């Protein structure tokens, strides 16, 4: 029996507990397969990936260098058709008061309005996207408290 899919809008706010980030703006992108988060200072050192998530432009920026012992390198094709290799890490995301596992590629998104892009790989089998809506999960959370 399939689970009922949740309706999510084109943008929302989410928590990423393992990454120590709360209430972060996200963009839902059904044109993207992978999900990505804005990241700088990515260094691979002795089998450990070190990275700083977000930057000073984001109120959620904590400046901590995050350590990822488990990661992989994956090829990501951008909307212009070019492929690039990116580090991919496992994290978790809280939407609609529920915690899910999510794979995130690390990418410099400083030129982008949203620091996180959520793609089809995560959305599939969980959500239906209604592009007229925004902040459905975030607003629902406000009414629950």
N, C-alpha and C. Protein backbone atom coordinates (compact mmCIF):
# COMPACT_ATOMS: atom_id res chain seq x y z
N UNK A 1 0.84 -1.18 0.00
CA UNK A 1 0.00 0.00 0.00
C UNK A 1 0.88 1.25 0.00
N UNK A 2 0.64 2.17 -0.90
CA UNK A 2 1.47 3.36 -0.98
C UNK A 2 1.01 4.40 0.02
N UNK A 3 1.99 5.15 0.52
CA UNK A 3 1.69 6.20 1.48
C UNK A 3 1.15 7.42 0.75
N UNK A 4 0.33 8.19 1.46
CA UNK A 4 -0.21 9.40 0.88
C UNK A 4 0.90 10.44 0.76
N UNK A 5 1.00 11.05 -0.41
CA UNK A 5 2.03 12.06 -0.62
C UNK A 5 1.59 13.39 -0.04
N UNK A 6 2.55 14.13 0.49
CA UNK A 6 2.29 15.46 1.03
C UNK A 6 2.40 16.49 -0.09
N UNK A 7 1.63 17.55 0.02
CA UNK A 7 1.72 18.63 -0.97
C UNK A 7 2.71 19.66 -0.44
N UNK A 8 3.70 19.96 -1.27
CA UNK A 8 4.71 20.97 -0.92
C UNK A 8 4.69 22.03 -2.00
N UNK A 9 5.01 23.26 -1.62
CA UNK A 9 5.03 24.37 -2.57
C UNK A 9 6.39 24.52 -3.24
N UNK A 10 6.56 25.61 -3.99
CA UNK A 10 7.81 25.81 -4.74
C UNK A 10 8.97 26.24 -3.84
N UNK A 11 8.66 26.77 -2.66
CA UNK A 11 9.68 27.14 -1.68
C UNK A 11 9.18 26.75 -0.30
N UNK A 12 10.09 26.65 0.66
CA UNK A 12 9.71 26.35 2.03
C UNK A 12 10.89 26.66 2.94
N UNK A 13 10.76 26.26 4.19
CA UNK A 13 11.85 26.37 5.16
C UNK A 13 11.99 25.01 5.82
N UNK A 14 13.22 24.60 6.06
CA UNK A 14 13.46 23.27 6.62
C UNK A 14 14.58 23.33 7.64
N UNK A 15 14.59 22.32 8.51
CA UNK A 15 15.67 22.13 9.47
C UNK A 15 16.56 21.00 8.97
N UNK A 16 17.86 21.13 9.25
CA UNK A 16 18.84 20.10 8.92
C UNK A 16 19.60 19.78 10.22
N UNK A 17 19.01 18.96 11.10
CA UNK A 17 19.58 18.74 12.43
C UNK A 17 21.04 18.27 12.44
N UNK A 18 21.40 17.30 11.61
CA UNK A 18 22.79 16.81 11.60
C UNK A 18 23.77 17.90 11.20
N UNK A 19 23.29 18.88 10.44
CA UNK A 19 24.15 19.97 9.99
C UNK A 19 24.05 21.19 10.92
N UNK A 20 23.24 21.05 11.97
CA UNK A 20 23.06 22.11 12.98
C UNK A 20 22.51 23.40 12.36
N UNK A 21 21.56 23.23 11.43
CA UNK A 21 20.93 24.38 10.76
C UNK A 21 19.42 24.26 10.89
N UNK A 22 18.79 25.37 11.28
CA UNK A 22 17.34 25.38 11.42
C UNK A 22 16.72 26.48 10.56
N UNK A 23 15.50 26.23 10.14
CA UNK A 23 14.67 27.27 9.50
C UNK A 23 15.35 27.88 8.26
N UNK A 24 15.89 27.03 7.42
CA UNK A 24 16.64 27.48 6.24
C UNK A 24 15.75 27.49 5.00
N UNK A 25 15.85 28.55 4.22
CA UNK A 25 15.07 28.66 2.98
C UNK A 25 15.51 27.58 2.00
N UNK A 26 14.52 26.90 1.42
CA UNK A 26 14.80 25.87 0.41
C UNK A 26 13.94 26.14 -0.82
N UNK A 27 14.47 25.73 -1.96
CA UNK A 27 13.73 25.83 -3.22
C UNK A 27 13.48 24.41 -3.72
N UNK A 28 12.24 24.13 -4.07
CA UNK A 28 11.87 22.84 -4.61
C UNK A 28 12.06 22.91 -6.12
N UNK A 29 12.84 21.99 -6.67
CA UNK A 29 13.16 22.04 -8.10
C UNK A 29 12.97 20.66 -8.74
N UNK A 30 11.81 20.48 -9.37
CA UNK A 30 11.53 19.18 -10.00
C UNK A 30 12.38 18.97 -11.25
N UNK A 31 13.06 20.01 -11.71
CA UNK A 31 13.95 19.87 -12.86
C UNK A 31 15.31 19.34 -12.48
N UNK A 32 15.62 19.37 -11.17
CA UNK A 32 16.91 18.88 -10.68
C UNK A 32 16.73 17.48 -10.13
N UNK A 33 17.69 16.61 -10.38
CA UNK A 33 17.62 15.27 -9.82
C UNK A 33 18.15 15.27 -8.39
N UNK A 34 19.33 15.84 -8.19
CA UNK A 34 19.94 15.84 -6.86
C UNK A 34 19.56 17.08 -6.07
N UNK A 35 19.77 17.01 -4.78
CA UNK A 35 19.57 18.15 -3.88
C UNK A 35 20.95 18.70 -3.54
N UNK A 36 21.04 20.00 -3.31
CA UNK A 36 22.34 20.58 -2.99
C UNK A 36 22.21 21.67 -1.94
N UNK A 37 23.32 21.92 -1.25
CA UNK A 37 23.37 22.96 -0.23
C UNK A 37 24.59 23.84 -0.49
N UNK A 38 24.43 25.13 -0.20
CA UNK A 38 25.52 26.08 -0.39
C UNK A 38 26.65 25.79 0.58
N UNK A 39 27.85 25.75 0.04
CA UNK A 39 29.00 25.32 0.81
C UNK A 39 30.26 26.00 0.29
N UNK A 40 31.18 26.31 1.20
CA UNK A 40 32.47 26.89 0.81
C UNK A 40 33.59 26.14 1.54
N UNK A 41 34.80 26.44 1.17
CA UNK A 41 35.98 25.89 1.84
C UNK A 41 35.93 24.36 1.96
N UNK A 42 35.71 23.69 0.83
CA UNK A 42 35.64 22.23 0.83
C UNK A 42 37.05 21.66 0.70
N UNK A 43 37.44 20.83 1.67
CA UNK A 43 38.77 20.23 1.68
C UNK A 43 38.65 18.76 2.06
N UNK A 44 39.38 17.93 1.31
CA UNK A 44 39.43 16.50 1.63
C UNK A 44 40.78 16.26 2.29
N UNK A 45 40.74 15.73 3.53
CA UNK A 45 41.96 15.59 4.31
C UNK A 45 41.97 14.26 5.06
N UNK A 46 42.90 13.38 4.74
CA UNK A 46 43.02 12.09 5.42
C UNK A 46 41.71 11.31 5.45
N UNK A 47 41.00 11.27 4.33
CA UNK A 47 39.77 10.51 4.24
C UNK A 47 38.57 11.16 4.90
N UNK A 48 38.72 12.42 5.32
CA UNK A 48 37.61 13.16 5.93
C UNK A 48 37.35 14.40 5.09
N UNK A 49 36.07 14.67 4.85
CA UNK A 49 35.69 15.85 4.08
C UNK A 49 35.35 16.97 5.05
N UNK A 50 35.98 18.12 4.87
CA UNK A 50 35.73 19.30 5.70
C UNK A 50 35.08 20.36 4.84
N UNK A 51 34.04 21.01 5.38
CA UNK A 51 33.34 22.03 4.60
C UNK A 51 32.63 23.00 5.53
N UNK A 52 32.51 24.23 5.06
CA UNK A 52 31.75 25.25 5.77
C UNK A 52 30.44 25.46 5.03
N UNK A 53 29.33 25.27 5.73
CA UNK A 53 28.02 25.40 5.11
C UNK A 53 27.52 26.84 5.20
N UNK A 54 26.85 27.28 4.15
CA UNK A 54 26.31 28.64 4.05
C UNK A 54 27.44 29.66 4.09
N UNK A 55 27.11 30.92 4.32
CA UNK A 55 28.11 31.97 4.48
C UNK A 55 27.48 33.11 5.28
N UNK A 56 28.23 34.18 5.48
CA UNK A 56 27.77 35.27 6.34
C UNK A 56 26.47 35.91 5.86
N UNK A 57 26.10 35.73 4.61
CA UNK A 57 24.87 36.32 4.08
C UNK A 57 23.62 35.64 4.65
N UNK A 58 23.78 34.47 5.28
CA UNK A 58 22.64 33.72 5.81
C UNK A 58 22.58 33.85 7.33
N UNK A 59 21.42 34.18 7.86
CA UNK A 59 21.31 34.33 9.32
C UNK A 59 21.57 33.02 10.05
N UNK A 60 21.42 31.89 9.37
CA UNK A 60 21.65 30.58 9.99
C UNK A 60 23.12 30.15 9.97
N UNK A 61 23.98 30.98 9.40
CA UNK A 61 25.41 30.66 9.28
C UNK A 61 26.02 30.52 10.67
N UNK A 62 26.66 29.38 10.95
CA UNK A 62 27.31 29.20 12.24
C UNK A 62 28.84 29.15 12.13
N UNK A 63 29.35 29.16 10.91
CA UNK A 63 30.79 29.25 10.71
C UNK A 63 31.58 28.01 11.07
N UNK A 64 30.92 26.97 11.54
CA UNK A 64 31.62 25.74 11.93
C UNK A 64 32.09 24.99 10.70
N UNK A 65 33.27 24.41 10.83
CA UNK A 65 33.75 23.53 9.77
C UNK A 65 33.16 22.15 10.05
N UNK A 66 32.28 21.69 9.18
CA UNK A 66 31.62 20.40 9.36
C UNK A 66 32.54 19.29 8.85
N UNK A 67 32.52 18.16 9.55
CA UNK A 67 33.33 17.00 9.17
C UNK A 67 32.41 15.88 8.71
N UNK A 68 32.74 15.34 7.55
CA UNK A 68 31.98 14.23 7.00
C UNK A 68 32.94 13.05 6.79
N UNK A 69 32.73 12.00 7.56
CA UNK A 69 33.58 10.82 7.41
C UNK A 69 33.07 9.92 6.28
N UNK A 70 31.77 10.03 6.01
CA UNK A 70 31.18 9.26 4.91
C UNK A 70 30.72 10.24 3.84
N UNK A 71 31.24 10.06 2.66
CA UNK A 71 30.88 10.92 1.53
C UNK A 71 31.27 10.21 0.26
N UNK A 72 30.77 10.73 -0.84
CA UNK A 72 31.18 10.18 -2.13
C UNK A 72 31.27 11.32 -3.12
N UNK A 73 31.84 11.02 -4.26
CA UNK A 73 31.93 12.00 -5.34
C UNK A 73 30.94 11.56 -6.40
N UNK A 74 30.11 12.50 -6.84
CA UNK A 74 29.08 12.18 -7.82
C UNK A 74 29.11 13.20 -8.95
N UNK A 75 28.66 12.79 -10.12
CA UNK A 75 28.59 13.68 -11.27
C UNK A 75 27.20 14.32 -11.32
N UNK A 76 27.17 15.64 -11.43
CA UNK A 76 25.91 16.37 -11.47
C UNK A 76 25.86 17.19 -12.76
N UNK A 77 24.77 17.06 -13.50
CA UNK A 77 24.60 17.83 -14.73
C UNK A 77 23.76 19.07 -14.43
N UNK A 78 24.29 20.24 -14.74
CA UNK A 78 23.57 21.49 -14.47
C UNK A 78 22.56 21.75 -15.58
N UNK A 79 21.73 22.76 -15.36
CA UNK A 79 20.66 23.08 -16.32
C UNK A 79 21.22 23.48 -17.69
N UNK A 80 22.48 23.94 -17.73
CA UNK A 80 23.07 24.30 -19.02
C UNK A 80 23.71 23.11 -19.73
N UNK A 81 23.57 21.92 -19.12
CA UNK A 81 24.06 20.71 -19.77
C UNK A 81 25.46 20.29 -19.39
N UNK A 82 26.19 21.14 -18.67
CA UNK A 82 27.55 20.80 -18.25
C UNK A 82 27.52 19.87 -17.04
N UNK A 83 28.43 18.93 -17.00
CA UNK A 83 28.55 18.04 -15.85
C UNK A 83 29.73 18.45 -15.00
N UNK A 84 29.56 18.30 -13.69
CA UNK A 84 30.68 18.58 -12.78
C UNK A 84 30.66 17.55 -11.66
N UNK A 85 31.83 17.28 -11.11
CA UNK A 85 31.94 16.36 -9.99
C UNK A 85 31.72 17.14 -8.71
N UNK A 86 30.91 16.58 -7.81
CA UNK A 86 30.65 17.22 -6.52
C UNK A 86 30.72 16.18 -5.42
N UNK A 87 31.04 16.67 -4.23
CA UNK A 87 30.96 15.81 -3.06
C UNK A 87 29.50 15.68 -2.67
N UNK A 88 29.13 14.47 -2.23
CA UNK A 88 27.77 14.21 -1.79
C UNK A 88 27.84 13.64 -0.37
N UNK A 89 27.03 14.23 0.53
CA UNK A 89 27.02 13.79 1.92
C UNK A 89 25.59 13.40 2.32
N UNK A 90 25.50 12.63 3.39
CA UNK A 90 24.20 12.22 3.91
C UNK A 90 23.85 13.14 5.08
N UNK A 91 22.62 13.58 5.10
CA UNK A 91 22.15 14.45 6.18
C UNK A 91 20.71 14.05 6.49
N UNK A 92 20.04 14.90 7.26
CA UNK A 92 18.61 14.70 7.46
C UNK A 92 17.93 16.05 7.33
N UNK A 93 16.64 15.99 7.02
CA UNK A 93 15.86 17.20 6.78
C UNK A 93 14.52 17.05 7.50
N UNK A 94 14.10 18.13 8.17
CA UNK A 94 12.80 18.11 8.82
C UNK A 94 11.84 18.99 8.03
N UNK A 95 10.78 18.35 7.53
CA UNK A 95 9.68 19.02 6.83
C UNK A 95 8.39 18.42 7.35
N UNK A 96 7.36 19.22 7.51
CA UNK A 96 6.07 18.72 8.00
C UNK A 96 6.24 17.94 9.31
N UNK A 97 7.12 18.44 10.18
CA UNK A 97 7.38 17.84 11.51
C UNK A 97 7.89 16.40 11.42
N UNK A 98 8.40 16.00 10.27
CA UNK A 98 8.93 14.65 10.10
C UNK A 98 10.38 14.73 9.64
N UNK A 99 11.18 13.79 10.11
CA UNK A 99 12.60 13.77 9.77
C UNK A 99 12.85 12.71 8.70
N UNK A 100 13.51 13.12 7.62
CA UNK A 100 13.86 12.21 6.53
C UNK A 100 15.36 12.24 6.30
N UNK A 101 15.88 11.15 5.75
CA UNK A 101 17.27 11.14 5.28
C UNK A 101 17.31 11.85 3.93
N UNK A 102 18.42 12.54 3.68
CA UNK A 102 18.57 13.22 2.39
C UNK A 102 20.04 13.22 1.99
N UNK A 103 20.30 13.02 0.70
CA UNK A 103 21.64 13.16 0.13
C UNK A 103 21.76 14.58 -0.39
N UNK A 104 22.83 15.26 -0.02
CA UNK A 104 23.06 16.63 -0.47
C UNK A 104 24.41 16.73 -1.16
N UNK A 105 24.44 17.33 -2.34
CA UNK A 105 25.72 17.64 -2.95
C UNK A 105 26.16 19.00 -2.44
N UNK A 106 27.45 19.17 -2.30
CA UNK A 106 28.02 20.43 -1.80
C UNK A 106 28.38 21.30 -2.99
N UNK A 107 27.82 22.50 -3.00
CA UNK A 107 27.98 23.36 -4.17
C UNK A 107 28.03 24.82 -3.74
N UNK A 108 28.83 25.62 -4.44
CA UNK A 108 28.83 27.05 -4.16
C UNK A 108 27.59 27.66 -4.82
N UNK A 109 26.62 28.04 -4.00
CA UNK A 109 25.37 28.60 -4.48
C UNK A 109 25.24 30.07 -4.09
N UNK A 110 26.36 30.75 -3.87
CA UNK A 110 26.29 32.13 -3.38
C UNK A 110 25.58 33.07 -4.36
N UNK A 111 25.57 32.74 -5.64
CA UNK A 111 24.87 33.57 -6.62
C UNK A 111 23.37 33.24 -6.70
N UNK A 112 22.96 32.20 -5.98
CA UNK A 112 21.58 31.76 -6.03
C UNK A 112 20.78 32.34 -4.86
N UNK A 113 19.50 32.56 -5.09
CA UNK A 113 18.64 33.14 -4.05
C UNK A 113 18.44 32.19 -2.87
N UNK A 114 18.35 30.89 -3.17
CA UNK A 114 18.11 29.90 -2.13
C UNK A 114 19.37 29.08 -1.88
N UNK A 115 19.76 28.93 -0.61
CA UNK A 115 20.98 28.18 -0.30
C UNK A 115 20.83 26.67 -0.47
N UNK A 116 19.57 26.19 -0.53
CA UNK A 116 19.34 24.75 -0.69
C UNK A 116 18.36 24.52 -1.84
N UNK A 117 18.70 23.56 -2.66
CA UNK A 117 17.84 23.13 -3.76
C UNK A 117 17.44 21.69 -3.47
N UNK A 118 16.15 21.41 -3.50
CA UNK A 118 15.66 20.05 -3.24
C UNK A 118 15.19 19.46 -4.57
N UNK A 119 15.81 18.34 -4.96
CA UNK A 119 15.54 17.74 -6.26
C UNK A 119 14.66 16.49 -6.19
N UNK A 120 14.43 15.92 -7.36
CA UNK A 120 13.50 14.78 -7.51
C UNK A 120 13.90 13.54 -6.72
N UNK A 121 15.20 13.30 -6.59
CA UNK A 121 15.66 12.11 -5.87
C UNK A 121 15.07 12.07 -4.46
N UNK A 122 14.99 13.23 -3.80
CA UNK A 122 14.38 13.29 -2.46
C UNK A 122 12.86 13.39 -2.53
N UNK A 123 12.34 14.18 -3.45
CA UNK A 123 10.90 14.44 -3.52
C UNK A 123 10.08 13.21 -3.91
N UNK A 124 10.65 12.39 -4.78
CA UNK A 124 9.95 11.25 -5.35
C UNK A 124 9.38 10.34 -4.27
N UNK A 125 8.14 9.96 -4.45
CA UNK A 125 7.36 9.07 -3.59
C UNK A 125 6.95 9.69 -2.25
N UNK A 126 7.37 10.94 -1.99
CA UNK A 126 7.01 11.60 -0.74
C UNK A 126 6.10 12.81 -0.94
N UNK A 127 6.32 13.54 -2.03
CA UNK A 127 5.66 14.83 -2.21
C UNK A 127 5.04 15.01 -3.58
N UNK A 128 4.02 15.83 -3.62
CA UNK A 128 3.46 16.38 -4.86
C UNK A 128 3.74 17.88 -4.78
N UNK A 129 4.31 18.45 -5.83
CA UNK A 129 4.67 19.86 -5.83
C UNK A 129 3.55 20.70 -6.46
N UNK A 130 3.08 21.68 -5.71
CA UNK A 130 2.11 22.66 -6.21
C UNK A 130 2.84 23.99 -6.32
N UNK A 131 3.16 24.41 -7.54
CA UNK A 131 3.99 25.59 -7.75
C UNK A 131 3.30 26.91 -7.35
N UNK A 132 2.01 26.86 -7.07
CA UNK A 132 1.32 28.07 -6.60
C UNK A 132 1.57 28.32 -5.11
N UNK A 133 1.98 27.30 -4.39
CA UNK A 133 2.12 27.40 -2.94
C UNK A 133 3.55 27.70 -2.51
N UNK A 134 3.68 28.29 -1.30
CA UNK A 134 4.98 28.54 -0.69
C UNK A 134 4.89 28.27 0.80
N UNK A 135 5.99 27.80 1.38
CA UNK A 135 6.13 27.64 2.84
C UNK A 135 5.04 26.80 3.49
N UNK A 136 4.56 25.76 2.83
CA UNK A 136 3.47 24.93 3.36
C UNK A 136 3.90 24.25 4.67
N UNK A 137 5.06 23.62 4.69
CA UNK A 137 5.55 22.94 5.88
C UNK A 137 5.82 23.94 7.00
N UNK A 138 6.49 25.02 6.69
CA UNK A 138 6.83 26.04 7.67
C UNK A 138 5.57 26.62 8.33
N UNK A 139 4.58 27.00 7.52
CA UNK A 139 3.35 27.59 8.04
C UNK A 139 2.56 26.56 8.87
N UNK A 140 2.56 25.31 8.43
CA UNK A 140 1.88 24.27 9.20
C UNK A 140 2.53 24.13 10.57
N UNK A 141 3.85 24.21 10.62
CA UNK A 141 4.58 24.12 11.89
C UNK A 141 4.25 25.25 12.83
N UNK A 142 4.03 26.44 12.30
CA UNK A 142 3.65 27.60 13.13
C UNK A 142 2.31 27.37 13.79
N UNK A 143 1.38 26.75 13.07
CA UNK A 143 0.04 26.52 13.60
C UNK A 143 0.00 25.35 14.59
N UNK A 144 1.00 24.47 14.54
CA UNK A 144 1.04 23.33 15.46
C UNK A 144 1.53 23.74 16.84
N UNK A 145 2.28 24.82 16.91
CA UNK A 145 2.87 25.24 18.20
C UNK A 145 1.99 26.20 18.96
